[in-house]
N, C-alpha and C. Protein backbone atom coordinates (compact mmCIF):
# COMPACT_ATOMS: atom_id res chain seq x y z
N UNK A 1 20.35 8.00 -1.02
CA UNK A 1 19.72 7.42 -2.19
C UNK A 1 20.76 7.19 -3.29
N UNK A 2 21.60 8.18 -3.51
CA UNK A 2 22.59 8.06 -4.59
C UNK A 2 23.61 6.96 -4.31
N UNK A 3 23.95 6.73 -3.05
CA UNK A 3 24.89 5.66 -2.71
C UNK A 3 24.27 4.31 -3.04
N UNK A 4 23.05 4.08 -2.61
CA UNK A 4 22.37 2.81 -2.93
C UNK A 4 22.19 2.67 -4.45
N UNK A 5 21.85 3.76 -5.10
CA UNK A 5 21.60 3.75 -6.54
C UNK A 5 22.88 3.38 -7.30
N UNK A 6 24.00 3.96 -6.88
CA UNK A 6 25.25 3.71 -7.59
C UNK A 6 25.90 2.38 -7.20
N UNK A 7 25.83 2.03 -5.91
CA UNK A 7 26.58 0.88 -5.42
C UNK A 7 25.73 -0.35 -5.14
N UNK A 8 24.41 -0.19 -5.18
CA UNK A 8 23.53 -1.30 -4.85
C UNK A 8 23.42 -1.49 -3.36
N UNK A 9 22.47 -2.32 -2.95
CA UNK A 9 22.25 -2.56 -1.53
C UNK A 9 23.47 -3.25 -0.91
N UNK A 10 23.94 -4.31 -1.54
CA UNK A 10 25.07 -5.06 -0.99
C UNK A 10 26.36 -4.26 -1.04
N UNK A 11 26.57 -3.46 -2.07
CA UNK A 11 27.81 -2.71 -2.22
C UNK A 11 27.91 -1.49 -1.34
N UNK A 12 26.80 -0.97 -0.87
CA UNK A 12 26.80 0.23 -0.03
C UNK A 12 27.10 -0.16 1.41
N UNK A 13 28.27 0.23 1.89
CA UNK A 13 28.63 -0.10 3.27
C UNK A 13 27.98 0.90 4.24
N UNK A 14 27.81 0.45 5.46
CA UNK A 14 27.26 1.32 6.50
C UNK A 14 28.14 2.55 6.67
N UNK A 15 29.47 2.35 6.62
CA UNK A 15 30.36 3.50 6.77
C UNK A 15 30.17 4.50 5.63
N UNK A 16 30.05 4.02 4.41
CA UNK A 16 29.85 4.89 3.24
C UNK A 16 28.51 5.62 3.36
N UNK A 17 27.48 4.91 3.76
CA UNK A 17 26.16 5.52 3.93
C UNK A 17 26.19 6.57 5.04
N UNK A 18 26.84 6.26 6.13
CA UNK A 18 26.95 7.21 7.25
C UNK A 18 27.66 8.48 6.81
N UNK A 19 28.76 8.32 6.07
CA UNK A 19 29.49 9.51 5.60
C UNK A 19 28.64 10.32 4.64
N UNK A 20 27.96 9.66 3.70
CA UNK A 20 27.15 10.38 2.71
C UNK A 20 26.01 11.14 3.38
N UNK A 21 25.50 10.62 4.47
CA UNK A 21 24.39 11.25 5.17
C UNK A 21 24.87 12.23 6.24
N UNK A 22 26.17 12.23 6.52
CA UNK A 22 26.67 13.07 7.60
C UNK A 22 26.09 12.66 8.94
N UNK A 23 25.95 11.34 9.13
CA UNK A 23 25.27 10.81 10.30
C UNK A 23 26.13 9.69 10.91
N UNK A 24 26.35 9.72 12.20
CA UNK A 24 27.08 8.62 12.82
C UNK A 24 26.33 7.29 12.63
N UNK A 25 27.11 6.22 12.61
CA UNK A 25 26.50 4.88 12.44
C UNK A 25 25.40 4.63 13.46
N UNK A 26 25.66 5.00 14.69
CA UNK A 26 24.68 4.75 15.76
C UNK A 26 23.36 5.46 15.46
N UNK A 27 23.45 6.68 14.95
CA UNK A 27 22.23 7.44 14.62
C UNK A 27 21.50 6.80 13.45
N UNK A 28 22.26 6.32 12.47
CA UNK A 28 21.65 5.63 11.32
C UNK A 28 20.83 4.43 11.82
N UNK A 29 21.43 3.63 12.70
CA UNK A 29 20.71 2.47 13.25
C UNK A 29 19.52 2.91 14.08
N UNK A 30 19.71 3.97 14.86
CA UNK A 30 18.64 4.46 15.72
C UNK A 30 17.45 4.97 14.91
N UNK A 31 17.72 5.72 13.85
CA UNK A 31 16.65 6.34 13.07
C UNK A 31 16.05 5.42 12.01
N UNK A 32 16.83 4.48 11.50
CA UNK A 32 16.34 3.66 10.39
C UNK A 32 16.35 2.16 10.68
N UNK A 33 16.87 1.77 11.82
CA UNK A 33 16.90 0.35 12.16
C UNK A 33 17.97 -0.42 11.42
N UNK A 34 18.91 0.25 10.83
CA UNK A 34 20.00 -0.41 10.12
C UNK A 34 19.93 -0.18 8.62
N UNK A 35 20.78 -0.88 7.93
CA UNK A 35 20.93 -0.68 6.48
C UNK A 35 19.65 -1.05 5.72
N UNK A 36 19.02 -2.14 6.09
CA UNK A 36 17.80 -2.54 5.39
C UNK A 36 16.68 -1.53 5.59
N UNK A 37 16.52 -1.05 6.79
CA UNK A 37 15.51 -0.03 7.06
C UNK A 37 15.78 1.25 6.30
N UNK A 38 17.06 1.64 6.26
CA UNK A 38 17.43 2.83 5.49
C UNK A 38 17.13 2.62 4.01
N UNK A 39 17.42 1.44 3.51
CA UNK A 39 17.16 1.15 2.09
C UNK A 39 15.66 1.22 1.80
N UNK A 40 14.84 0.65 2.65
CA UNK A 40 13.39 0.70 2.45
C UNK A 40 12.88 2.14 2.52
N UNK A 41 13.41 2.94 3.44
CA UNK A 41 13.03 4.36 3.51
C UNK A 41 13.49 5.10 2.26
N UNK A 42 14.66 4.73 1.76
CA UNK A 42 15.19 5.34 0.54
C UNK A 42 14.30 5.00 -0.65
N UNK A 43 13.84 3.77 -0.72
CA UNK A 43 12.95 3.36 -1.82
C UNK A 43 11.64 4.15 -1.78
N UNK A 44 11.13 4.36 -0.58
CA UNK A 44 9.89 5.14 -0.44
C UNK A 44 10.13 6.57 -0.92
N UNK A 45 11.27 7.14 -0.55
CA UNK A 45 11.63 8.49 -1.00
C UNK A 45 11.79 8.52 -2.52
N UNK A 46 12.46 7.54 -3.07
CA UNK A 46 12.68 7.45 -4.51
C UNK A 46 11.33 7.40 -5.25
N UNK A 47 10.44 6.57 -4.79
CA UNK A 47 9.12 6.44 -5.43
C UNK A 47 8.36 7.75 -5.36
N UNK A 48 8.42 8.40 -4.21
CA UNK A 48 7.69 9.66 -4.01
C UNK A 48 8.28 10.81 -4.83
N UNK A 49 9.60 10.80 -5.07
CA UNK A 49 10.23 11.94 -5.75
C UNK A 49 10.60 11.67 -7.20
N UNK A 50 11.01 10.46 -7.53
CA UNK A 50 11.51 10.19 -8.88
C UNK A 50 10.50 9.50 -9.79
N UNK A 51 9.53 8.83 -9.22
CA UNK A 51 8.55 8.10 -10.04
C UNK A 51 7.32 8.94 -10.38
N UNK A 52 7.27 10.16 -9.90
CA UNK A 52 6.07 10.98 -10.11
C UNK A 52 5.85 11.32 -11.58
N UNK A 53 6.90 11.67 -12.32
CA UNK A 53 6.71 12.03 -13.73
C UNK A 53 6.25 10.86 -14.58
N UNK A 54 6.89 9.68 -14.49
CA UNK A 54 6.37 8.56 -15.27
C UNK A 54 4.92 8.21 -14.90
N UNK A 55 4.61 8.22 -13.62
CA UNK A 55 3.24 7.88 -13.19
C UNK A 55 2.24 8.93 -13.66
N UNK A 56 2.62 10.20 -13.58
CA UNK A 56 1.72 11.28 -14.00
C UNK A 56 1.42 11.22 -15.49
N UNK A 57 2.35 10.69 -16.27
CA UNK A 57 2.13 10.59 -17.72
C UNK A 57 0.97 9.66 -18.05
N UNK A 58 0.61 8.80 -17.14
CA UNK A 58 -0.47 7.84 -17.38
C UNK A 58 -1.81 8.33 -16.83
N UNK A 59 -1.96 9.63 -16.71
CA UNK A 59 -3.15 10.20 -16.08
C UNK A 59 -4.39 10.21 -16.96
N UNK A 60 -4.27 9.81 -18.21
CA UNK A 60 -5.44 9.72 -19.06
C UNK A 60 -5.91 11.04 -19.63
N UNK A 61 -5.03 12.02 -19.71
CA UNK A 61 -5.41 13.32 -20.24
C UNK A 61 -5.52 13.33 -21.76
N UNK A 62 -4.88 12.40 -22.41
CA UNK A 62 -4.91 12.36 -23.87
C UNK A 62 -5.17 10.96 -24.36
N UNK A 63 -4.97 10.75 -25.65
CA UNK A 63 -5.09 9.39 -26.19
C UNK A 63 -4.05 8.48 -25.53
N UNK A 64 -4.37 7.21 -25.42
CA UNK A 64 -3.49 6.24 -24.77
C UNK A 64 -2.11 6.24 -25.40
N UNK A 65 -2.04 6.28 -26.72
CA UNK A 65 -0.74 6.28 -27.39
C UNK A 65 0.13 7.45 -26.92
N UNK A 66 -0.44 8.63 -26.82
CA UNK A 66 0.31 9.80 -26.37
C UNK A 66 0.74 9.65 -24.91
N UNK A 67 -0.14 9.11 -24.08
CA UNK A 67 0.22 8.90 -22.68
C UNK A 67 1.37 7.91 -22.55
N UNK A 68 1.35 6.85 -23.34
CA UNK A 68 2.44 5.87 -23.29
C UNK A 68 3.75 6.47 -23.78
N UNK A 69 3.70 7.27 -24.82
CA UNK A 69 4.91 7.92 -25.30
C UNK A 69 5.48 8.86 -24.22
N UNK A 70 4.61 9.61 -23.55
CA UNK A 70 5.05 10.48 -22.46
C UNK A 70 5.61 9.66 -21.30
N UNK A 71 4.96 8.55 -20.99
CA UNK A 71 5.42 7.66 -19.93
C UNK A 71 6.84 7.18 -20.21
N UNK A 72 7.07 6.67 -21.42
CA UNK A 72 8.40 6.15 -21.75
C UNK A 72 9.44 7.27 -21.81
N UNK A 73 9.06 8.44 -22.29
CA UNK A 73 10.01 9.56 -22.27
C UNK A 73 10.41 9.90 -20.83
N UNK A 74 9.44 9.89 -19.92
CA UNK A 74 9.75 10.17 -18.51
C UNK A 74 10.61 9.05 -17.91
N UNK A 75 10.36 7.82 -18.31
CA UNK A 75 11.19 6.69 -17.85
C UNK A 75 12.63 6.89 -18.30
N UNK A 76 12.80 7.25 -19.57
CA UNK A 76 14.15 7.45 -20.11
C UNK A 76 14.83 8.63 -19.41
N UNK A 77 14.10 9.72 -19.20
CA UNK A 77 14.67 10.87 -18.49
C UNK A 77 15.16 10.45 -17.10
N UNK A 78 14.35 9.68 -16.39
CA UNK A 78 14.75 9.22 -15.07
C UNK A 78 15.95 8.29 -15.15
N UNK A 79 15.96 7.40 -16.13
CA UNK A 79 17.06 6.44 -16.28
C UNK A 79 18.39 7.13 -16.52
N UNK A 80 18.35 8.29 -17.16
CA UNK A 80 19.58 9.00 -17.50
C UNK A 80 19.86 10.19 -16.59
N UNK A 81 19.07 10.36 -15.55
CA UNK A 81 19.18 11.55 -14.70
C UNK A 81 20.41 11.55 -13.78
N UNK A 82 20.93 10.40 -13.45
CA UNK A 82 22.09 10.31 -12.56
C UNK A 82 23.27 9.77 -13.35
N UNK A 83 24.20 10.62 -13.72
CA UNK A 83 25.32 10.21 -14.56
C UNK A 83 26.15 9.10 -13.93
N UNK A 84 26.37 9.15 -12.62
CA UNK A 84 27.17 8.12 -11.96
C UNK A 84 26.40 6.82 -11.75
N UNK A 85 25.09 6.87 -11.84
CA UNK A 85 24.28 5.69 -11.58
C UNK A 85 23.06 5.68 -12.50
N UNK A 86 23.28 5.49 -13.79
CA UNK A 86 22.11 5.44 -14.67
C UNK A 86 21.23 4.26 -14.31
N UNK A 87 20.01 4.32 -14.77
CA UNK A 87 19.06 3.26 -14.48
C UNK A 87 18.06 3.71 -13.43
N UNK A 88 17.68 2.79 -12.60
CA UNK A 88 16.62 3.03 -11.62
C UNK A 88 16.97 2.31 -10.33
N UNK A 89 16.73 2.95 -9.21
CA UNK A 89 17.00 2.35 -7.92
C UNK A 89 16.21 1.05 -7.75
N UNK A 90 14.99 1.02 -8.25
CA UNK A 90 14.15 -0.16 -8.10
C UNK A 90 14.61 -1.27 -9.04
N UNK A 91 14.70 -0.96 -10.34
CA UNK A 91 15.04 -1.99 -11.33
C UNK A 91 16.46 -2.48 -11.18
N UNK A 92 17.37 -1.60 -10.77
CA UNK A 92 18.78 -1.98 -10.68
C UNK A 92 19.14 -2.50 -9.29
N UNK A 93 18.96 -1.69 -8.29
CA UNK A 93 19.44 -2.03 -6.95
C UNK A 93 18.49 -2.93 -6.18
N UNK A 94 17.20 -2.61 -6.16
CA UNK A 94 16.26 -3.42 -5.40
C UNK A 94 16.14 -4.82 -6.00
N UNK A 95 16.07 -4.91 -7.31
CA UNK A 95 15.92 -6.25 -7.91
C UNK A 95 17.13 -7.13 -7.62
N UNK A 96 18.32 -6.54 -7.60
CA UNK A 96 19.52 -7.32 -7.29
C UNK A 96 19.52 -7.77 -5.83
N UNK A 97 19.04 -6.93 -4.93
CA UNK A 97 19.05 -7.26 -3.50
C UNK A 97 17.92 -8.20 -3.10
N UNK A 98 16.89 -8.29 -3.90
CA UNK A 98 15.69 -9.04 -3.52
C UNK A 98 15.87 -10.55 -3.61
N UNK A 99 16.93 -11.01 -4.24
CA UNK A 99 17.10 -12.44 -4.44
C UNK A 99 17.00 -13.28 -3.19
N UNK A 100 17.71 -12.92 -2.15
CA UNK A 100 17.73 -13.75 -0.95
C UNK A 100 17.06 -13.09 0.25
N UNK A 101 16.63 -11.88 0.10
CA UNK A 101 16.04 -11.14 1.21
C UNK A 101 14.53 -11.06 1.00
N UNK A 102 13.79 -11.79 1.80
CA UNK A 102 12.34 -11.88 1.60
C UNK A 102 11.64 -10.53 1.80
N UNK A 103 12.12 -9.72 2.73
CA UNK A 103 11.51 -8.40 2.94
C UNK A 103 11.71 -7.52 1.71
N UNK A 104 12.91 -7.55 1.12
CA UNK A 104 13.17 -6.76 -0.08
C UNK A 104 12.46 -7.36 -1.29
N UNK A 105 12.32 -8.66 -1.32
CA UNK A 105 11.57 -9.30 -2.41
C UNK A 105 10.11 -8.87 -2.38
N UNK A 106 9.55 -8.80 -1.18
CA UNK A 106 8.17 -8.34 -1.05
C UNK A 106 8.04 -6.89 -1.50
N UNK A 107 9.02 -6.06 -1.16
CA UNK A 107 8.99 -4.66 -1.59
C UNK A 107 9.10 -4.57 -3.12
N UNK A 108 9.95 -5.38 -3.71
CA UNK A 108 10.07 -5.40 -5.17
C UNK A 108 8.73 -5.78 -5.80
N UNK A 109 8.09 -6.80 -5.27
CA UNK A 109 6.78 -7.20 -5.78
C UNK A 109 5.76 -6.09 -5.65
N UNK A 110 5.78 -5.40 -4.52
CA UNK A 110 4.84 -4.29 -4.33
C UNK A 110 5.09 -3.18 -5.33
N UNK A 111 6.36 -2.81 -5.52
CA UNK A 111 6.70 -1.76 -6.48
C UNK A 111 6.26 -2.15 -7.89
N UNK A 112 6.55 -3.38 -8.30
CA UNK A 112 6.16 -3.85 -9.63
C UNK A 112 4.65 -3.87 -9.77
N UNK A 113 3.95 -4.38 -8.75
CA UNK A 113 2.49 -4.46 -8.80
C UNK A 113 1.85 -3.08 -8.90
N UNK A 114 2.41 -2.09 -8.20
CA UNK A 114 1.84 -0.74 -8.24
C UNK A 114 1.90 -0.16 -9.65
N UNK A 115 3.05 -0.30 -10.30
CA UNK A 115 3.18 0.22 -11.67
C UNK A 115 2.27 -0.54 -12.62
N UNK A 116 2.26 -1.84 -12.52
CA UNK A 116 1.43 -2.65 -13.41
C UNK A 116 -0.06 -2.37 -13.21
N UNK A 117 -0.48 -2.13 -11.97
CA UNK A 117 -1.89 -1.80 -11.71
C UNK A 117 -2.26 -0.47 -12.35
N UNK A 118 -1.37 0.51 -12.27
CA UNK A 118 -1.63 1.81 -12.90
C UNK A 118 -1.73 1.66 -14.42
N UNK A 119 -0.81 0.91 -15.01
CA UNK A 119 -0.87 0.68 -16.46
C UNK A 119 -2.13 -0.10 -16.85
N UNK A 120 -2.47 -1.12 -16.08
CA UNK A 120 -3.66 -1.92 -16.39
C UNK A 120 -4.92 -1.07 -16.34
N UNK A 121 -4.99 -0.17 -15.35
CA UNK A 121 -6.15 0.72 -15.27
C UNK A 121 -6.22 1.64 -16.49
N UNK A 122 -5.08 2.16 -16.90
CA UNK A 122 -5.05 3.04 -18.08
C UNK A 122 -5.46 2.27 -19.32
N UNK A 123 -5.00 1.02 -19.46
CA UNK A 123 -5.37 0.19 -20.61
C UNK A 123 -6.85 -0.17 -20.56
N UNK A 124 -7.35 -0.43 -19.37
CA UNK A 124 -8.76 -0.78 -19.20
C UNK A 124 -9.66 0.40 -19.58
N UNK A 125 -9.15 1.62 -19.41
CA UNK A 125 -9.92 2.82 -19.75
C UNK A 125 -9.95 3.09 -21.26
N UNK A 126 -9.10 2.43 -22.04
CA UNK A 126 -9.00 2.72 -23.48
C UNK A 126 -8.85 1.43 -24.29
N UNK A 127 -9.75 0.48 -24.14
CA UNK A 127 -9.56 -0.81 -24.82
C UNK A 127 -9.55 -0.71 -26.34
N UNK A 128 -10.26 0.25 -26.90
CA UNK A 128 -10.32 0.37 -28.36
C UNK A 128 -9.03 0.90 -28.97
N UNK A 129 -8.16 1.47 -28.14
CA UNK A 129 -6.89 2.01 -28.64
C UNK A 129 -5.77 0.97 -28.64
N UNK A 130 -6.02 -0.18 -28.04
CA UNK A 130 -4.99 -1.22 -27.94
C UNK A 130 -5.02 -2.15 -29.14
N UNK A 131 -3.84 -2.55 -29.57
CA UNK A 131 -3.74 -3.43 -30.73
C UNK A 131 -4.06 -4.89 -30.39
N UNK A 132 -3.47 -5.46 -29.39
CA UNK A 132 -3.76 -6.88 -29.13
C UNK A 132 -5.15 -7.05 -28.52
N UNK A 133 -6.18 -6.94 -29.35
CA UNK A 133 -7.55 -7.08 -28.87
C UNK A 133 -7.72 -8.45 -28.23
N UNK A 134 -8.42 -8.49 -27.12
CA UNK A 134 -8.67 -9.74 -26.43
C UNK A 134 -7.60 -10.10 -25.41
N UNK A 135 -6.53 -9.34 -25.34
CA UNK A 135 -5.50 -9.57 -24.33
C UNK A 135 -5.87 -8.76 -23.11
N UNK A 136 -5.75 -9.35 -21.94
CA UNK A 136 -6.18 -8.65 -20.73
C UNK A 136 -5.32 -7.42 -20.47
N UNK A 137 -5.92 -6.38 -19.88
CA UNK A 137 -5.15 -5.19 -19.52
C UNK A 137 -3.97 -5.53 -18.61
N UNK A 138 -4.15 -6.52 -17.74
CA UNK A 138 -3.07 -6.91 -16.81
C UNK A 138 -1.88 -7.49 -17.57
N UNK A 139 -2.15 -8.29 -18.60
CA UNK A 139 -1.07 -8.86 -19.39
C UNK A 139 -0.34 -7.77 -20.18
N UNK A 140 -1.10 -6.86 -20.76
CA UNK A 140 -0.48 -5.75 -21.50
C UNK A 140 0.30 -4.84 -20.56
N UNK A 141 -0.21 -4.67 -19.34
CA UNK A 141 0.51 -3.85 -18.35
C UNK A 141 1.84 -4.49 -17.99
N UNK A 142 1.86 -5.80 -17.84
CA UNK A 142 3.11 -6.50 -17.55
C UNK A 142 4.10 -6.30 -18.70
N UNK A 143 3.61 -6.37 -19.93
CA UNK A 143 4.47 -6.14 -21.09
C UNK A 143 5.02 -4.71 -21.10
N UNK A 144 4.15 -3.74 -20.92
CA UNK A 144 4.56 -2.33 -20.94
C UNK A 144 5.54 -2.01 -19.80
N UNK A 145 5.27 -2.54 -18.62
CA UNK A 145 6.16 -2.31 -17.48
C UNK A 145 7.50 -3.00 -17.70
N UNK A 146 7.48 -4.16 -18.32
CA UNK A 146 8.73 -4.88 -18.59
C UNK A 146 9.62 -4.10 -19.55
N UNK A 147 9.02 -3.43 -20.51
CA UNK A 147 9.81 -2.58 -21.41
C UNK A 147 10.45 -1.44 -20.62
N UNK A 148 9.68 -0.82 -19.73
CA UNK A 148 10.23 0.27 -18.91
C UNK A 148 11.39 -0.24 -18.06
N UNK A 149 11.21 -1.38 -17.42
CA UNK A 149 12.29 -1.94 -16.59
C UNK A 149 13.50 -2.30 -17.44
N UNK A 150 13.26 -2.82 -18.62
CA UNK A 150 14.36 -3.13 -19.52
C UNK A 150 15.15 -1.89 -19.92
N UNK A 151 14.46 -0.78 -20.10
CA UNK A 151 15.15 0.47 -20.43
C UNK A 151 16.04 0.92 -19.27
N UNK A 152 15.57 0.69 -18.05
CA UNK A 152 16.39 1.04 -16.89
C UNK A 152 17.68 0.23 -16.87
N UNK A 153 17.57 -1.04 -17.17
CA UNK A 153 18.76 -1.90 -17.18
C UNK A 153 19.66 -1.58 -18.36
N UNK A 154 19.08 -1.23 -19.50
CA UNK A 154 19.90 -0.83 -20.66
C UNK A 154 20.64 0.47 -20.36
N UNK A 155 19.99 1.39 -19.67
CA UNK A 155 20.67 2.63 -19.28
C UNK A 155 21.84 2.30 -18.36
N UNK A 156 21.63 1.39 -17.45
CA UNK A 156 22.69 0.98 -16.53
C UNK A 156 23.87 0.39 -17.30
N UNK A 157 23.57 -0.25 -18.43
CA UNK A 157 24.61 -0.87 -19.26
C UNK A 157 25.19 0.08 -20.29
N UNK A 158 24.73 1.35 -20.29
CA UNK A 158 25.33 2.36 -21.14
C UNK A 158 24.56 2.74 -22.38
N UNK A 159 23.32 2.29 -22.54
CA UNK A 159 22.53 2.67 -23.71
C UNK A 159 22.27 4.16 -23.71
N UNK A 160 22.21 4.74 -24.89
CA UNK A 160 21.96 6.17 -25.00
C UNK A 160 20.47 6.45 -25.20
N UNK A 161 20.11 7.71 -25.07
CA UNK A 161 18.72 8.15 -25.16
C UNK A 161 18.07 7.73 -26.48
N UNK A 162 18.76 7.93 -27.61
CA UNK A 162 18.16 7.61 -28.91
C UNK A 162 17.86 6.12 -29.05
N UNK A 163 18.76 5.29 -28.57
CA UNK A 163 18.55 3.84 -28.63
C UNK A 163 17.34 3.44 -27.80
N UNK A 164 17.27 3.97 -26.59
CA UNK A 164 16.14 3.62 -25.73
C UNK A 164 14.84 4.18 -26.27
N UNK A 165 14.88 5.40 -26.79
CA UNK A 165 13.66 6.00 -27.34
C UNK A 165 13.14 5.17 -28.52
N UNK A 166 14.03 4.70 -29.38
CA UNK A 166 13.60 3.89 -30.52
C UNK A 166 12.92 2.60 -30.05
N UNK A 167 13.48 1.97 -29.03
CA UNK A 167 12.88 0.74 -28.50
C UNK A 167 11.52 1.01 -27.88
N UNK A 168 11.41 2.11 -27.16
CA UNK A 168 10.12 2.45 -26.54
C UNK A 168 9.08 2.80 -27.59
N UNK A 169 9.47 3.50 -28.63
CA UNK A 169 8.53 3.82 -29.72
C UNK A 169 8.02 2.53 -30.38
N UNK A 170 8.92 1.57 -30.55
CA UNK A 170 8.51 0.29 -31.13
C UNK A 170 7.51 -0.42 -30.21
N UNK A 171 7.73 -0.35 -28.90
CA UNK A 171 6.80 -0.97 -27.95
C UNK A 171 5.43 -0.29 -28.02
N UNK A 172 5.42 1.02 -28.12
CA UNK A 172 4.15 1.74 -28.22
C UNK A 172 3.45 1.38 -29.53
N UNK A 173 4.21 1.25 -30.61
CA UNK A 173 3.61 0.85 -31.89
C UNK A 173 2.95 -0.52 -31.79
N UNK A 174 3.52 -1.42 -31.01
CA UNK A 174 2.93 -2.75 -30.83
C UNK A 174 1.66 -2.65 -29.98
N UNK A 175 1.73 -1.89 -28.91
CA UNK A 175 0.59 -1.78 -28.00
C UNK A 175 -0.54 -0.92 -28.57
N UNK A 176 -0.18 0.20 -29.19
CA UNK A 176 -1.15 1.17 -29.70
C UNK A 176 -0.67 1.66 -31.06
N UNK A 177 -0.94 0.94 -32.10
CA UNK A 177 -0.45 1.37 -33.42
C UNK A 177 -1.01 2.74 -33.78
N UNK A 178 -0.21 3.51 -34.52
CA UNK A 178 -0.74 4.81 -34.97
C UNK A 178 -2.02 4.58 -35.78
N UNK A 179 -2.96 5.43 -35.56
CA UNK A 179 -4.22 5.31 -36.29
C UNK A 179 -4.05 5.88 -37.69
N UNK A 180 -4.46 5.13 -38.71
CA UNK A 180 -4.35 5.67 -40.07
C UNK A 180 -5.32 6.83 -40.24
N UNK A 181 -4.97 7.70 -41.16
CA UNK A 181 -5.90 8.78 -41.47
C UNK A 181 -7.15 8.18 -42.09
N UNK A 182 -8.30 8.73 -41.79
CA UNK A 182 -9.53 8.19 -42.37
C UNK A 182 -9.53 8.38 -43.89
N UNK A 183 -10.16 7.43 -44.55
CA UNK A 183 -10.28 7.53 -46.00
C UNK A 183 -11.11 8.77 -46.35
N UNK A 184 -10.66 9.51 -47.32
CA UNK A 184 -11.37 10.70 -47.77
C UNK A 184 -11.72 10.48 -49.24
N UNK A 185 -12.98 10.70 -49.52
CA UNK A 185 -13.41 10.54 -50.92
C UNK A 185 -12.81 11.62 -51.77
N UNK A 186 -12.44 11.27 -53.00
CA UNK A 186 -11.96 12.27 -53.95
C UNK A 186 -13.12 13.18 -54.30
N UNK A 187 -12.90 14.47 -54.13
CA UNK A 187 -13.91 15.46 -54.48
C UNK A 187 -13.41 16.17 -55.72
N UNK A 188 -14.21 16.20 -56.76
CA UNK A 188 -13.75 16.89 -57.97
C UNK A 188 -13.48 18.36 -57.67
N UNK A 189 -12.44 18.86 -58.26
CA UNK A 189 -12.04 20.26 -58.09
C UNK A 189 -13.04 21.11 -58.88
N UNK A 190 -13.75 21.98 -58.18
CA UNK A 190 -14.80 22.80 -58.80
C UNK A 190 -14.22 23.81 -59.79
N UNK A 191 -12.93 24.12 -59.65
CA UNK A 191 -12.32 25.12 -60.52
C UNK A 191 -11.90 24.56 -61.87
N UNK A 192 -11.97 23.29 -62.10
CA UNK A 192 -11.52 22.72 -63.38
C UNK A 192 -12.65 22.40 -64.28
């Protein structure tokens, strides 16, 4: 996973992958069907192990604004978790490889659709908390997911945690503005 994450699909040679896995080339082909099969298996492993925290943040346990803030914090944590390969295996490596490879393009679409569907469901569950009233949950999910993907690419380009956190907070403010405190009537002080 780390080889693909750091070097991308095209940059990761079979020899490098074999050495990193401690597996002869023949065994790699036998068990995974080659480099593409290994990459697809790696993506499945990445989704199962690295995407759990961002996805769990959208579980609807709190107000939508808090869930989105937790989601973006988990995205940033994941983006910065690998010092040699900041970013995300999906946003960085899979998206670059998907250009000419239809099987990888389909996988990229599936990965993007899964995240957007989860976000759309969360938005659909809390329509009164969203600022752009009348905008479909699917459109807002695409916007929210695009911010997350952008943070992955910014991490890859060297952005720091504070910069990414500020951008994510701004996105949450657009999607779910902080609720103002309710107006409280002035009550005369009984002691005066």
